[in-house]
């Protein structure tokens, strides 16, 4: 598997290994579950064959069921694979108490 070129994964993300047919997973070691705090949510970058292929917000069911609304920033890389495209800058959960519905989202899209 080819490594991702420098700048396409934001600092301080580190590669924690790969999953066959899926690729490498990158984590921010400063996020809560990696520094001794309880796991509530993290954002994982993914790469395959030297290319960034996905962003994966991971949020525990228990955290979502607290019926809280929250929004977190998505750390941005220094370089993007394509210019003129839109990339998300936030992710979060909104709870609508009247409808008893959750909305998980990525947003804040900015053109690079």
Protein backbone atom coordinates (compact mmCIF):
# COMPACT_ATOMS: atom_id res chain seq x y z
CA UNK A 1 0.00 0.00 0.00
CA UNK A 2 1.35 3.43 -0.94
CA UNK A 3 1.80 6.05 1.79
CA UNK A 4 -0.19 9.29 1.72
CA UNK A 5 1.93 12.25 0.61
CA UNK A 6 2.76 14.79 3.31
CA UNK A 7 0.13 17.46 3.89
CA UNK A 8 -2.94 15.49 2.80
CA UNK A 9 -3.69 14.28 6.34
CA UNK A 10 -3.87 17.03 8.98
CA UNK A 11 -1.40 17.20 11.84
CA UNK A 12 -1.46 15.66 14.47
CA UNK A 13 -3.20 12.64 12.87
CA UNK A 14 -1.26 9.36 12.90
CA UNK A 15 -1.73 6.13 10.95
CA UNK A 16 -2.91 3.31 13.23
CA UNK A 17 -2.87 0.59 10.58
CA UNK A 18 -5.07 -0.73 7.87
CA UNK A 19 -8.05 -2.93 7.20
CA UNK A 20 -7.84 -5.21 4.13
CA UNK A 21 -9.87 -3.86 1.17
CA UNK A 22 -10.63 -0.72 3.19
CA UNK A 23 -7.30 0.97 3.81
CA UNK A 24 -5.49 2.82 6.55
CA UNK A 25 -7.18 4.56 9.46
CA UNK A 26 -5.75 7.80 10.85
CA UNK A 27 -6.57 9.18 14.31
CA UNK A 28 -5.88 12.39 16.19
CA UNK A 29 -4.08 11.11 19.31
CA UNK A 30 -5.13 14.25 21.22
CA UNK A 31 -8.84 13.33 21.01
CA UNK A 32 -10.56 12.09 24.16
CA UNK A 33 -10.50 8.29 23.81
CA UNK A 34 -6.78 8.29 23.05
CA UNK A 35 -5.72 10.34 26.08
CA UNK A 36 -7.58 8.54 28.86
CA UNK A 37 -10.99 10.20 28.66
CA UNK A 38 -14.23 8.37 27.90
CA UNK A 39 -14.99 7.68 24.24
CA UNK A 40 -17.88 9.81 23.01
CA UNK A 41 -16.86 10.82 19.49
CA UNK A 42 -13.85 10.95 17.17
CA UNK A 43 -13.21 11.76 13.55
CA UNK A 44 -11.14 9.29 11.55
CA UNK A 45 -9.43 9.99 8.24
CA UNK A 46 -9.03 7.04 5.89
CA UNK A 47 -6.67 6.38 3.02
CA UNK A 48 -6.14 3.69 0.44
CA UNK A 49 -3.28 3.29 -2.00
CA UNK A 50 -1.83 6.71 -1.15
CA UNK A 51 -5.11 8.64 -1.49
CA UNK A 52 -7.40 10.05 1.20
CA UNK A 53 -10.65 8.18 0.61
CA UNK A 54 -12.94 8.94 3.54
CA UNK A 55 -13.73 10.90 6.68
CA UNK A 56 -15.55 8.88 9.32
CA UNK A 57 -17.25 10.53 12.29
CA UNK A 58 -17.61 7.91 15.01
CA UNK A 59 -20.09 8.74 17.77
CA UNK A 60 -21.25 6.33 20.45
CA UNK A 61 -24.92 5.42 20.59
CA UNK A 62 -24.95 6.28 24.31
CA UNK A 63 -23.63 9.78 23.59
CA UNK A 64 -26.22 10.35 20.86
CA UNK A 65 -29.02 9.12 23.14
CA UNK A 66 -28.20 11.86 25.67
CA UNK A 67 -30.33 13.99 23.32
CA UNK A 68 -27.72 16.73 23.17
CA UNK A 69 -26.86 18.85 20.19
CA UNK A 70 -23.16 19.24 19.51
CA UNK A 71 -20.83 20.33 16.76
CA UNK A 72 -17.08 19.76 16.41
CA UNK A 73 -14.48 21.02 13.95
CA UNK A 74 -12.88 18.81 11.32
CA UNK A 75 -9.15 19.45 11.26
CA UNK A 76 -8.14 20.42 7.74
CA UNK A 77 -5.11 19.17 5.84
CA UNK A 78 -2.57 21.57 4.35
CA UNK A 79 -3.17 20.13 0.88
CA UNK A 80 -6.26 18.83 -0.92
CA UNK A 81 -6.42 16.23 -3.70
CA UNK A 82 -8.46 18.49 -6.00
CA UNK A 83 -8.66 22.26 -6.16
CA UNK A 84 -11.99 24.02 -6.49
CA UNK A 85 -13.87 21.31 -4.58
CA UNK A 86 -15.85 21.69 -1.35
CA UNK A 87 -14.69 19.99 1.84
CA UNK A 88 -16.50 19.78 5.23
CA UNK A 89 -15.18 21.72 8.21
CA UNK A 90 -17.58 20.52 10.94
CA UNK A 91 -19.54 17.47 12.04
CA UNK A 92 -22.18 17.02 14.67
CA UNK A 93 -25.51 15.79 15.94
CA UNK A 94 -28.76 17.71 16.31
CA UNK A 95 -31.64 16.36 18.36
CA UNK A 96 -35.20 17.43 17.52
CA UNK A 97 -37.20 16.79 20.70
CA UNK A 98 -40.58 17.49 19.05
CA UNK A 99 -39.99 14.82 16.42
CA UNK A 100 -37.77 12.63 18.59
CA UNK A 101 -35.27 12.52 15.74
CA UNK A 102 -31.52 12.74 15.50
CA UNK A 103 -29.65 14.31 12.60
CA UNK A 104 -26.01 13.39 12.17
CA UNK A 105 -24.21 15.62 9.69
CA UNK A 106 -21.05 16.98 8.17
CA UNK A 107 -21.21 20.59 7.06
CA UNK A 108 -19.56 23.96 6.87
CA UNK A 109 -18.37 23.13 3.38
CA UNK A 110 -15.64 25.44 2.13
CA UNK A 111 -14.08 25.54 -1.28
CA UNK A 112 -10.36 24.90 -1.17
